[in-house]
Amino acid sequence: MSRKPLRATVLLRMTTLGAVAALGLVACSPSETASGTGSSAPASGSGQPTSVPADTAAAFQKAVDDTRAAGDLPGVIARVISPAGTWTGTSGVRAAGGNEPIEPADHTRIGSLTKTMTATLLLQLVQEGRVSLDDPIDKYVPDAPNGTATLRQVADMTSGIPSYTASEGFDRRFFADPESVWSPTELVDTAKALPPSFPPGQGWQYSNTNYVLLGLVIEKVLAKPIGEIFADRIFTPLGMDESSWPGGSVEIPDPHLNGLTDQGQSDGKTVDSTRWNPSFASTAGAVISTIDDLQTWGEALFTGQGVLDPATQQLRRDSILTSPPPNTATSGYGIGIGNRDGWWGHDGDFPGYNTSLFHDYESDTTIIIVINTDDAVTVDGKSMAPVYAVQAGLVAALPD
């Protein structure tokens, strides 16, 4: 039987949320589950009311419960923050096959939501005049693949630098020992052995190598370990006390979710990936957090408050590409952030974990989703990440 290869650490899918919301879930046999619960939660510093009408809460909870059951997901944590209030709901269990209910306080691996943080650190250096987005990557990382690619091109995925996760050799070594430690240099060297995807600026391709390289740039400019930089510039100033940089450790703070993945497994098989070493994701996807801290991060990410000045925040928003394909006028990627039909943000897909953080500026609504599997679900015959199926249900349940 064939073995499923390692998916890119995180891929911000080009599916539009509007299209997803119009689809109906195809039911499958759900596993034994815990009952879902809905609750209100404080909108940390948002000044918004902290509860939603009972009918809205019930609609949100039904959307989460139905999607979890139809997708056979172990557990889901979801939060909707809008002018109408803040709602938090849970459904299912903390670990597949277990009986402990999933809880909002559970820690999770956030995958490529890390990229939004790495991009923010890069923009802070631009704001401080320490780097320019027009600088070539090899100014900071000698012998980088496609070394003439600018920092902007590296950040918006137009560098042509291939993702190390596309290497068959990396794939074999990773699955032979998923708890082994990878250094950022090893990851970049793996990408060097692959042919460039295209000349810098001549295409678009999602690549985790881009954000590993940006991590190396940030470390070099600030002359500090990247874990200290995340703490000093993001976690501590914003009060994200439950977020952490794991480095080469497989540990995850309690309480935490256990991840379930089919990556690296034969068809139809899954495995507990909780202790897979996050070093292979580096500054492309290694951060650990909670839904409360992701709410705090979303407030900073979508406004710039506490991390960027207004001009640099606008630079981030203006960075969204409308071309080359698959970017379009309504679905594009920029400097560590995407815009999908007016929903701005990113998703995260670490083996066994799926997260998303999106904001609609027009309705001032944020949706955060945490799931303890990254195995795809089927919606109207189409395969998609679990967070997109859950988000579609929540978007459909938003009051008019």
Protein backbone atom coordinates (compact mmCIF):
# COMPACT_ATOMS: atom_id res chain seq x y z
CA MET A 1 0.00 0.00 0.00
CA SER A 2 1.19 3.52 -0.74
CA ARG A 3 2.37 5.78 2.04
CA LYS A 4 1.11 9.33 2.31
CA PRO A 5 4.00 11.81 1.85
CA LEU A 6 4.69 14.69 4.19
CA ARG A 7 2.51 17.63 3.31
CA ALA A 8 3.99 21.08 3.40
CA THR A 9 4.15 22.23 7.01
CA VAL A 10 1.32 24.59 6.24
CA LEU A 11 -0.37 25.57 3.02
CA LEU A 12 -2.66 28.56 2.85
CA ARG A 13 -5.11 26.99 0.46
CA MET A 14 -6.37 29.01 -2.45
CA THR A 15 -9.96 27.83 -1.87
CA THR A 16 -12.24 30.81 -1.36
CA LEU A 17 -14.28 30.77 1.81
CA GLY A 18 -17.36 31.93 -0.04
CA ALA A 19 -17.22 28.87 -2.28
CA VAL A 20 -16.65 26.56 0.66
CA ALA A 21 -19.59 28.01 2.58
CA ALA A 22 -21.89 27.12 -0.28
CA LEU A 23 -20.98 23.43 -0.10
CA GLY A 24 -22.61 20.77 2.03
CA LEU A 25 -20.66 18.24 4.11
CA VAL A 26 -20.76 14.64 2.98
CA ALA A 27 -21.56 12.59 6.07
CA CYS A 28 -19.35 9.71 7.07
CA SER A 29 -19.39 7.37 10.05
CA PRO A 30 -18.49 9.47 13.10
CA SER A 31 -16.35 8.04 15.86
CA GLU A 32 -17.50 7.97 19.48
CA THR A 33 -17.53 11.58 20.64
CA ALA A 34 -17.97 13.81 23.63
CA SER A 35 -20.87 16.25 23.55
CA GLY A 36 -20.09 19.79 22.44
CA THR A 37 -20.38 22.80 24.71
CA GLY A 38 -20.73 26.46 23.90
CA SER A 39 -19.57 29.32 26.08
CA SER A 40 -18.90 33.02 26.04
CA ALA A 41 -15.34 34.23 26.47
CA PRO A 42 -13.84 37.65 27.13
CA ALA A 43 -12.87 39.58 24.03
CA SER A 44 -9.44 40.46 25.39
CA GLY A 45 -9.18 44.21 25.15
CA SER A 46 -11.63 44.44 22.25
CA GLY A 47 -14.32 46.37 24.10
CA GLN A 48 -16.95 44.11 22.53
CA PRO A 49 -19.76 42.40 24.45
CA THR A 50 -18.83 38.97 25.76
CA SER A 51 -21.93 36.99 24.88
CA VAL A 52 -24.04 36.34 21.83
CA PRO A 53 -27.78 35.74 21.56
CA ALA A 54 -28.86 32.21 22.44
CA ASP A 55 -30.04 31.40 18.93
CA THR A 56 -26.73 32.52 17.43
CA ALA A 57 -24.78 30.48 20.00
CA ALA A 58 -26.90 27.44 19.21
CA ALA A 59 -26.32 27.87 15.47
CA PHE A 60 -22.56 28.15 15.98
CA GLN A 61 -22.50 25.08 18.21
CA LYS A 62 -24.56 23.06 15.75
CA ALA A 63 -22.18 24.02 12.94
CA VAL A 64 -19.17 22.82 14.95
CA ASP A 65 -20.85 19.63 16.17
CA ASP A 66 -22.18 18.71 12.74
CA THR A 67 -18.89 19.34 10.96
CA ARG A 68 -16.88 17.43 13.54
CA ALA A 69 -19.20 14.43 13.30
CA ALA A 70 -19.42 14.49 9.51
CA GLY A 71 -15.64 14.85 9.17
CA ASP A 72 -14.91 12.25 11.88
CA LEU A 73 -12.69 14.78 13.68
CA PRO A 74 -11.48 13.98 17.23
CA GLY A 75 -12.06 17.46 18.60
CA VAL A 76 -12.67 21.10 17.69
CA ILE A 77 -12.26 24.40 19.53
CA ALA A 78 -13.78 27.42 17.81
CA ARG A 79 -14.24 31.08 18.62
CA VAL A 80 -16.21 33.79 16.83
CA ILE A 81 -15.54 37.41 17.81
CA SER A 82 -17.82 40.09 16.38
CA PRO A 83 -19.63 43.28 17.41
CA ALA A 84 -22.49 41.00 18.52
CA GLY A 85 -20.25 39.36 21.11
CA THR A 86 -17.71 36.59 21.56
CA TRP A 87 -18.61 32.92 21.42
CA THR A 88 -16.40 29.93 22.18
CA GLY A 89 -17.47 26.38 21.48
CA THR A 90 -15.90 22.95 21.86
CA SER A 91 -16.83 19.57 20.47
CA GLY A 92 -15.24 16.17 20.85
CA VAL A 93 -12.20 14.96 22.73
CA ARG A 94 -8.66 16.03 23.52
CA ALA A 95 -7.14 12.85 22.04
CA ALA A 96 -8.54 10.45 19.44
CA GLY A 97 -9.92 7.37 21.19
CA GLY A 98 -9.92 9.11 24.58
CA ASN A 99 -12.75 10.41 26.72
CA GLU A 100 -11.36 13.72 28.05
CA PRO A 101 -13.34 16.56 26.49
CA ILE A 102 -11.40 19.09 24.48
CA GLU A 103 -11.08 22.43 26.30
CA PRO A 104 -10.31 26.04 25.26
CA ALA A 105 -7.23 26.07 27.52
CA ASP A 106 -5.58 23.22 25.60
CA HIS A 107 -2.24 23.97 23.97
CA THR A 108 -1.78 23.15 20.31
CA ARG A 109 0.82 23.32 17.57
CA ILE A 110 -0.24 26.21 15.32
CA GLY A 111 1.75 25.32 12.19
CA SER A 112 2.00 28.13 9.65
CA LEU A 113 0.22 30.65 11.78
CA THR A 114 3.87 30.90 12.86
CA LYS A 115 4.50 32.53 9.47
CA THR A 116 2.32 35.48 10.42
CA MET A 117 4.63 36.02 13.40
CA THR A 118 7.85 35.54 11.44
CA ALA A 119 6.58 38.01 8.84
CA THR A 120 5.77 40.50 11.61
CA LEU A 121 9.32 40.23 12.95
CA LEU A 122 10.64 40.90 9.45
CA LEU A 123 8.38 43.94 9.11
CA GLN A 124 9.58 45.22 12.48
CA LEU A 125 13.14 45.14 11.12
CA VAL A 126 11.97 47.01 8.02
CA GLN A 127 10.23 49.57 10.26
CA GLU A 128 13.42 50.02 12.27
CA GLY A 129 15.53 50.49 9.13
CA ARG A 130 17.62 47.39 9.82
CA VAL A 131 16.67 45.65 6.57
CA SER A 132 14.97 46.55 3.30
CA LEU A 133 12.43 44.39 1.54
CA ASP A 134 14.51 45.00 -1.59
CA ASP A 135 17.60 43.35 -0.05
CA PRO A 136 18.57 40.03 -1.68
CA ILE A 137 18.32 37.01 0.59
CA ASP A 138 21.98 36.12 0.03
CA LYS A 139 23.00 39.39 1.69
CA TYR A 140 22.09 37.66 4.95
CA VAL A 141 22.26 33.96 4.07
CA PRO A 142 25.24 33.32 1.77
CA ASP A 143 24.65 30.64 -0.88
CA ALA A 144 20.90 30.73 -0.31
CA PRO A 145 18.99 29.07 -3.15
CA ASN A 146 17.84 31.67 -5.70
CA GLY A 147 20.01 34.06 -3.72
CA THR A 148 19.05 37.15 -5.72
CA ALA A 149 15.44 36.85 -4.57
CA THR A 150 14.50 39.86 -2.45
CA LEU A 151 13.23 39.61 1.10
CA ARG A 152 9.82 40.70 -0.21
CA GLN A 153 9.84 37.88 -2.76
CA VAL A 154 10.88 35.40 -0.09
CA ALA A 155 8.07 36.62 2.18
CA ASP A 156 5.29 36.64 -0.46
CA MET A 157 6.28 33.28 -2.01
CA THR A 158 7.49 34.64 -5.37
CA SER A 159 11.16 33.74 -4.70
CA GLY A 160 11.14 30.48 -6.67
CA ILE A 161 12.93 28.79 -3.76
CA PRO A 162 11.61 25.22 -3.49
CA SER A 163 10.21 23.85 -0.25
CA TYR A 164 12.43 21.34 1.50
CA THR A 165 9.28 19.33 2.22
CA ALA A 166 9.23 18.44 -1.49
CA SER A 167 12.46 16.44 -1.12
CA GLU A 168 12.01 12.65 -1.17
CA GLY A 169 15.19 12.31 0.88
CA PHE A 170 13.81 14.63 3.54
CA ASP A 171 10.55 12.73 3.50
CA ARG A 172 12.27 9.37 4.06
CA ARG A 173 14.54 10.68 6.83
CA PHE A 174 11.72 12.49 8.61
CA PHE A 175 9.39 9.51 8.79
CA ALA A 176 12.20 7.19 9.81
CA ASP A 177 12.49 9.22 13.03
CA PRO A 178 9.86 11.98 13.43
CA GLU A 179 11.28 12.93 16.85
CA SER A 180 14.72 13.82 15.47
CA VAL A 181 15.99 17.41 15.59
CA TRP A 182 16.49 19.44 12.42
CA SER A 183 18.52 22.63 12.27
CA PRO A 184 17.38 25.48 10.01
CA THR A 185 20.60 25.12 8.02
CA GLU A 186 19.82 21.45 7.34
CA LEU A 187 16.40 22.43 6.05
CA VAL A 188 17.85 25.09 3.74
CA ASP A 189 20.55 22.68 2.52
CA THR A 190 17.82 20.20 1.65
CA ALA A 191 16.14 22.86 -0.50
CA LYS A 192 19.47 23.67 -2.19
CA ALA A 193 19.59 20.14 -3.58
CA LEU A 194 16.29 20.74 -5.40
CA PRO A 195 16.03 22.67 -8.69
CA PRO A 196 14.65 26.22 -8.38
CA SER A 197 10.94 26.38 -9.08
CA PHE A 198 11.32 29.49 -11.28
CA PRO A 199 13.47 32.65 -11.44
CA PRO A 200 12.74 35.14 -8.64
CA GLY A 201 9.57 37.10 -9.32
CA GLN A 202 8.49 34.90 -12.23
CA GLY A 203 5.88 32.79 -10.46
CA TRP A 204 4.25 31.92 -7.15
CA GLN A 205 4.72 28.79 -5.08
CA TYR A 206 4.15 28.16 -1.39
CA SER A 207 7.47 27.17 0.16
CA ASN A 208 8.36 26.58 3.79
CA THR A 209 12.02 27.20 2.95
CA ASN A 210 11.17 30.88 2.44
CA TYR A 211 10.20 31.30 6.08
CA VAL A 212 13.08 29.23 7.42
CA LEU A 213 15.36 31.62 5.54
CA LEU A 214 13.56 34.65 7.00
CA GLY A 215 14.13 33.20 10.47
CA LEU A 216 17.85 33.02 9.73
CA VAL A 217 17.79 36.64 8.54
CA ILE A 218 16.04 37.79 11.71
CA GLU A 219 18.49 35.91 13.93
CA LYS A 220 21.49 37.35 12.08
CA VAL A 221 20.28 40.95 12.20
CA LEU A 222 19.31 40.85 15.87
CA ALA A 223 22.16 38.54 16.95
CA LYS A 224 19.86 36.52 19.21
CA PRO A 225 18.35 33.02 19.14
CA ILE A 226 14.99 33.05 17.41
CA GLY A 227 13.18 31.74 20.51
CA GLU A 228 14.31 34.79 22.48
CA ILE A 229 13.22 37.06 19.64
CA PHE A 230 9.70 35.60 19.54
CA ALA A 231 9.46 36.06 23.31
CA ASP A 232 10.97 39.56 23.42
CA ARG A 233 9.08 41.02 20.46
CA ILE A 234 5.77 39.15 20.38
CA PHE A 235 4.85 36.86 23.28
CA THR A 236 5.92 39.01 26.25
CA PRO A 237 4.83 42.46 24.98
CA LEU A 238 1.41 41.14 23.99
CA GLY A 239 0.92 39.06 27.13
CA MET A 240 0.80 35.77 25.21
CA ASP A 241 1.86 33.80 28.28
CA GLU A 242 0.72 30.41 26.95
CA SER A 243 2.64 30.69 23.66
CA SER A 244 6.14 29.34 23.23
CA TRP A 245 8.95 28.53 20.84
CA PRO A 246 9.73 24.81 21.29
CA GLY A 247 13.13 24.69 19.62
CA GLY A 248 14.20 21.05 19.36
CA SER A 249 11.95 19.81 22.17
CA VAL A 250 9.03 17.45 21.50
CA GLU A 251 7.30 18.53 24.72
CA ILE A 252 4.09 20.54 24.66
CA PRO A 253 2.72 22.25 27.80
CA ASP A 254 -0.24 20.74 29.65
CA PRO A 255 -3.10 20.71 29.07
CA HIS A 256 -2.56 19.92 25.42
CA LEU A 257 -4.14 18.29 22.42
CA ASN A 258 -2.87 15.01 21.04
CA GLY A 259 -2.40 15.17 17.28
CA LEU A 260 -3.72 12.56 14.85
CA THR A 261 -2.36 12.35 11.30
CA ASP A 262 -2.27 10.11 8.26
CA GLN A 263 0.99 11.64 7.06
CA GLY A 264 3.67 9.04 6.43
CA GLN A 265 1.21 6.22 6.96
CA SER A 266 -0.15 3.60 4.61
CA ASP A 267 -3.59 4.25 3.16
CA GLY A 268 -6.32 4.23 5.77
CA LYS A 269 -3.91 4.37 8.73
CA THR A 270 -3.36 7.17 11.23
CA VAL A 271 -0.88 7.73 14.05
CA ASP A 272 -0.47 9.91 17.15
CA SER A 273 1.93 12.69 16.13
CA THR A 274 1.95 14.67 19.38
CA ARG A 275 5.68 14.15 19.92
CA TRP A 276 6.83 14.69 16.36
CA ASN A 277 9.66 17.18 16.58
CA PRO A 278 8.59 20.70 15.59
CA SER A 279 12.15 21.66 14.63
CA PHE A 280 11.42 20.41 11.11
CA ALA A 281 8.94 23.31 10.80
CA SER A 282 11.26 25.98 12.27
CA THR A 283 10.13 29.58 11.69
CA ALA A 284 7.70 28.29 9.07
CA GLY A 285 5.50 26.48 11.59
CA ALA A 286 6.84 25.49 15.03
CA VAL A 287 5.07 27.78 17.54
CA ILE A 288 2.81 26.39 20.31
CA SER A 289 -0.19 28.42 21.50
CA THR A 290 -3.80 28.40 22.78
CA ILE A 291 -7.01 29.85 21.42
CA ASP A 292 -6.89 32.70 23.97
CA ASP A 293 -3.40 33.66 22.87
CA LEU A 294 -4.41 33.34 19.22
CA GLN A 295 -7.17 35.84 19.89
CA THR A 296 -4.61 38.20 21.37
CA TRP A 297 -2.34 37.61 18.39
CA GLY A 298 -5.20 38.22 15.96
CA GLU A 299 -5.87 41.62 17.53
CA ALA A 300 -2.23 42.56 16.88
CA LEU A 301 -2.02 40.93 13.46
CA PHE A 302 -5.13 42.56 12.05
CA THR A 303 -4.60 46.04 13.53
CA GLY A 304 -0.83 46.28 14.01
CA GLN A 305 -1.39 47.43 17.60
CA GLY A 306 1.54 46.50 19.81
CA VAL A 307 3.70 45.19 16.95
CA LEU A 308 3.78 47.59 13.98
CA ASP A 309 3.21 51.28 13.33
CA PRO A 310 0.27 52.24 11.07
CA ALA A 311 2.42 52.74 7.96
CA THR A 312 4.08 49.33 8.27
CA GLN A 313 0.75 47.66 9.02
CA GLN A 314 -0.61 49.22 5.84
CA LEU A 315 2.44 47.93 3.98
CA ARG A 316 1.46 44.43 5.12
CA ARG A 317 -2.12 44.87 3.90
CA ASP A 318 -0.94 46.33 0.60
CA SER A 319 1.39 43.36 0.03
CA ILE A 320 -1.42 41.00 -1.04
CA LEU A 321 -0.76 39.73 -4.58
CA THR A 322 -3.43 39.52 -7.27
CA SER A 323 -1.04 37.72 -9.67
CA PRO A 324 0.68 35.51 -10.75
CA PRO A 325 -1.71 32.55 -10.52
CA PRO A 326 -3.07 31.04 -8.38
CA ASN A 327 -3.44 34.54 -6.88
CA THR A 328 -6.46 36.46 -8.15
CA ALA A 329 -8.18 39.78 -7.53
CA THR A 330 -10.20 38.15 -4.72
CA SER A 331 -7.80 35.49 -3.45
CA GLY A 332 -4.17 36.39 -2.86
CA TYR A 333 -1.14 36.03 -0.61
CA GLY A 334 1.20 38.70 0.70
CA ILE A 335 3.84 39.09 3.41
CA GLY A 336 2.84 36.21 5.68
CA ILE A 337 -0.88 36.81 5.28
CA GLY A 338 -3.60 36.01 2.78
CA ASN A 339 -6.93 37.50 1.75
CA ARG A 340 -9.65 35.08 0.69
CA ASP A 341 -12.85 36.81 -0.41
CA GLY A 342 -12.43 39.44 2.29
CA TRP A 343 -11.27 37.04 5.02
CA TRP A 344 -7.72 37.99 5.98
CA GLY A 345 -5.38 35.63 7.84
CA HIS A 346 -3.68 32.27 7.63
CA ASP A 347 -4.17 28.61 8.37
CA GLY A 348 -1.77 26.15 9.96
CA ASP A 349 -1.24 22.49 9.10
CA PHE A 350 1.29 20.73 11.34
CA PRO A 351 1.09 16.91 11.25
CA GLY A 352 -1.80 16.09 13.58
CA TYR A 353 -2.89 19.70 14.11
CA ASN A 354 -4.93 22.17 12.06
CA THR A 355 -5.52 25.80 13.03
CA SER A 356 -6.84 28.95 11.41
CA LEU A 357 -7.13 32.63 12.25
CA PHE A 358 -9.16 34.85 9.89
CA HIS A 359 -10.69 38.32 10.12
CA ASP A 360 -13.28 40.11 7.99
CA TYR A 361 -12.69 43.86 8.23
CA GLU A 362 -16.09 44.79 6.79
CA SER A 363 -18.05 43.01 9.53
CA ASP A 364 -15.27 43.27 12.15
CA THR A 365 -15.51 39.51 12.69
CA THR A 366 -12.70 37.13 13.62
CA ILE A 367 -12.96 33.33 13.50
CA ILE A 368 -10.37 31.12 15.21
CA ILE A 369 -10.37 27.33 14.89
CA VAL A 370 -8.20 24.66 16.53
CA ILE A 371 -8.48 20.98 15.55
CA ASN A 372 -6.42 17.98 16.70
CA THR A 373 -6.07 16.36 13.29
CA ASP A 374 -4.88 17.58 9.92
CA ASP A 375 -6.51 14.74 7.97
CA ALA A 376 -8.60 16.13 5.15
CA VAL A 377 -12.38 16.05 5.17
CA THR A 378 -14.65 15.67 2.15
CA VAL A 379 -17.04 18.47 1.27
CA ASP A 380 -19.30 17.91 -1.74
CA GLY A 381 -16.79 15.43 -3.13
CA LYS A 382 -13.85 17.81 -2.61
CA SER A 383 -11.04 17.23 -0.12
CA MET A 384 -10.12 20.13 2.16
CA ALA A 385 -8.49 20.94 5.47
CA PRO A 386 -10.74 20.47 8.53
CA VAL A 387 -10.53 24.14 9.54
CA TYR A 388 -12.07 25.23 6.25
CA ALA A 389 -15.02 22.90 6.69
CA VAL A 390 -15.62 24.19 10.23
CA GLN A 391 -15.18 27.81 9.17
CA ALA A 392 -17.67 27.39 6.33
CA GLY A 393 -20.29 26.24 8.83
CA LEU A 394 -19.57 29.15 11.17
CA VAL A 395 -19.66 31.70 8.36
CA ALA A 396 -23.00 30.31 7.24
CA ALA A 397 -24.30 30.66 10.84
CA LEU A 398 -23.25 34.30 11.22
CA PRO A 399 -26.30 36.53 11.81
CA ASP A 400 -27.25 38.78 8.92
